[in-house]
Amino acid sequence: MESAEYARGEMDIAEQQRTWDGFMKASVWGSAIVSMVLMYTVLAIPLGINWFVSLVLTAGAGIVGGLAVNMGGAWIVTVIGLSGIAVLVQLIITVSKAMIPG
């Protein structure tokens, strides 16, 4: 049974539209980050490319890809920040290896 107050096509869907837009934006960002992690991993481990070269190639591809799909300046800052974290982690690994005898 339909309510007399309901008229098909006249409901305000602004909130649903914002929710959908947010979901799609999060999906694109998440997919891009996962793709960058996989690219870095493939370049550094199976192909044996130096970690820093792999990082630069991955960050460059991430920035170009983000610009291609209009992800904006926040995406560029995110890629640079993630690259900085990757350099910090690699330095910790290098120092740890140097401290272990053998």
Protein backbone atom coordinates (compact mmCIF):
# COMPACT_ATOMS: atom_id res chain seq x y z
CA MET A 1 0.00 0.00 0.00
CA GLU A 2 1.30 3.42 -0.91
CA SER A 3 1.13 6.33 1.43
CA ALA A 4 -0.76 9.34 0.18
CA GLU A 5 2.21 11.54 1.16
CA TYR A 6 4.65 9.81 -1.18
CA ALA A 7 4.99 11.05 -4.75
CA ARG A 8 7.42 9.13 -6.94
CA GLY A 9 10.35 11.21 -8.15
CA GLU A 10 9.81 14.14 -5.82
CA MET A 11 11.99 13.04 -2.90
CA ASP A 12 15.07 15.11 -2.06
CA ILE A 13 18.04 12.84 -2.68
CA ALA A 14 20.82 15.33 -1.92
CA GLU A 15 22.04 13.33 1.10
CA GLN A 16 22.07 10.06 -0.84
CA GLN A 17 23.95 11.75 -3.68
CA ARG A 18 26.63 13.08 -1.28
CA THR A 19 26.94 9.61 0.26
CA TRP A 20 27.39 8.00 -3.16
CA ASP A 21 29.92 10.64 -4.24
CA GLY A 22 31.90 10.09 -1.03
CA PHE A 23 31.83 6.33 -1.51
CA MET A 24 33.09 6.63 -5.08
CA LYS A 25 35.85 9.05 -4.07
CA ALA A 26 37.00 6.72 -1.28
CA SER A 27 36.92 3.78 -3.70
CA VAL A 28 39.09 5.59 -6.26
CA TRP A 29 41.59 6.71 -3.60
CA GLY A 30 41.74 3.26 -2.01
CA SER A 31 42.19 1.54 -5.37
CA ALA A 32 44.95 3.96 -6.35
CA ILE A 33 46.83 3.42 -3.07
CA VAL A 34 46.54 -0.38 -3.33
CA SER A 35 47.76 -0.18 -6.96
CA MET A 36 50.77 1.86 -5.88
CA VAL A 37 51.63 -0.59 -3.10
CA LEU A 38 51.45 -3.49 -5.56
CA MET A 39 53.52 -1.62 -8.16
CA TYR A 40 56.23 -0.81 -5.63
CA THR A 41 56.28 -4.39 -4.38
CA VAL A 42 56.56 -5.85 -7.89
CA LEU A 43 59.31 -3.43 -8.89
CA ALA A 44 61.36 -3.90 -5.72
CA ILE A 45 61.05 -7.61 -4.97
CA PRO A 46 60.48 -9.82 -8.06
CA LEU A 47 62.20 -7.48 -10.52
CA GLY A 48 65.00 -6.62 -8.09
CA ILE A 49 65.07 -2.90 -8.86
CA ASN A 50 66.70 -0.76 -6.16
CA TRP A 51 64.13 0.28 -3.54
CA PHE A 52 64.68 4.00 -4.09
CA VAL A 53 64.33 3.75 -7.87
CA SER A 54 61.18 1.67 -7.38
CA LEU A 55 59.80 4.29 -5.01
CA VAL A 56 60.48 7.17 -7.42
CA LEU A 57 58.88 5.27 -10.33
CA THR A 58 55.85 4.36 -8.23
CA ALA A 59 55.39 7.89 -6.86
CA GLY A 60 55.73 9.35 -10.35
CA ALA A 61 53.17 6.93 -11.75
CA GLY A 62 50.86 7.66 -8.83
CA ILE A 63 51.04 11.41 -9.33
CA VAL A 64 50.53 11.15 -13.09
CA GLY A 65 47.64 8.72 -12.62
CA GLY A 66 46.05 10.95 -10.00
CA LEU A 67 46.31 13.98 -12.26
CA ALA A 68 44.82 11.96 -15.13
CA VAL A 69 41.65 11.25 -13.13
CA ASN A 70 41.48 14.72 -11.51
CA MET A 71 42.21 13.65 -7.92
CA GLY A 72 43.58 17.10 -7.11
CA GLY A 73 46.36 18.51 -5.00
CA ALA A 74 45.41 16.47 -1.94
CA TRP A 75 46.36 13.35 -3.89
CA ILE A 76 49.81 14.73 -4.73
CA VAL A 77 50.40 15.61 -1.07
CA THR A 78 49.26 12.11 -0.08
CA VAL A 79 51.64 10.43 -2.53
CA ILE A 80 54.55 12.57 -1.34
CA GLY A 81 53.66 11.83 2.31
CA LEU A 82 53.43 8.10 1.68
CA SER A 83 56.79 8.24 -0.13
CA GLY A 84 58.32 9.99 2.88
CA ILE A 85 56.99 7.27 5.16
CA ALA A 86 58.44 4.63 2.81
CA VAL A 87 61.88 6.29 2.94
CA LEU A 88 61.70 6.43 6.75
CA VAL A 89 60.78 2.73 6.96
CA GLN A 90 63.58 1.79 4.57
CA LEU A 91 66.09 3.78 6.64
CA ILE A 92 64.93 1.97 9.78
CA ILE A 93 65.39 -1.36 7.98
CA THR A 94 68.87 -0.35 6.80
CA VAL A 95 69.95 0.76 10.28
CA SER A 96 68.52 -2.43 11.81
CA LYS A 97 70.43 -4.59 9.34
CA ALA A 98 73.64 -2.70 10.14
CA MET A 99 73.16 -3.31 13.86
CA ILE A 100 72.70 -7.10 13.49
CA PRO A 101 76.06 -8.88 13.40
CA GLY A 102 76.64 -11.44 10.72
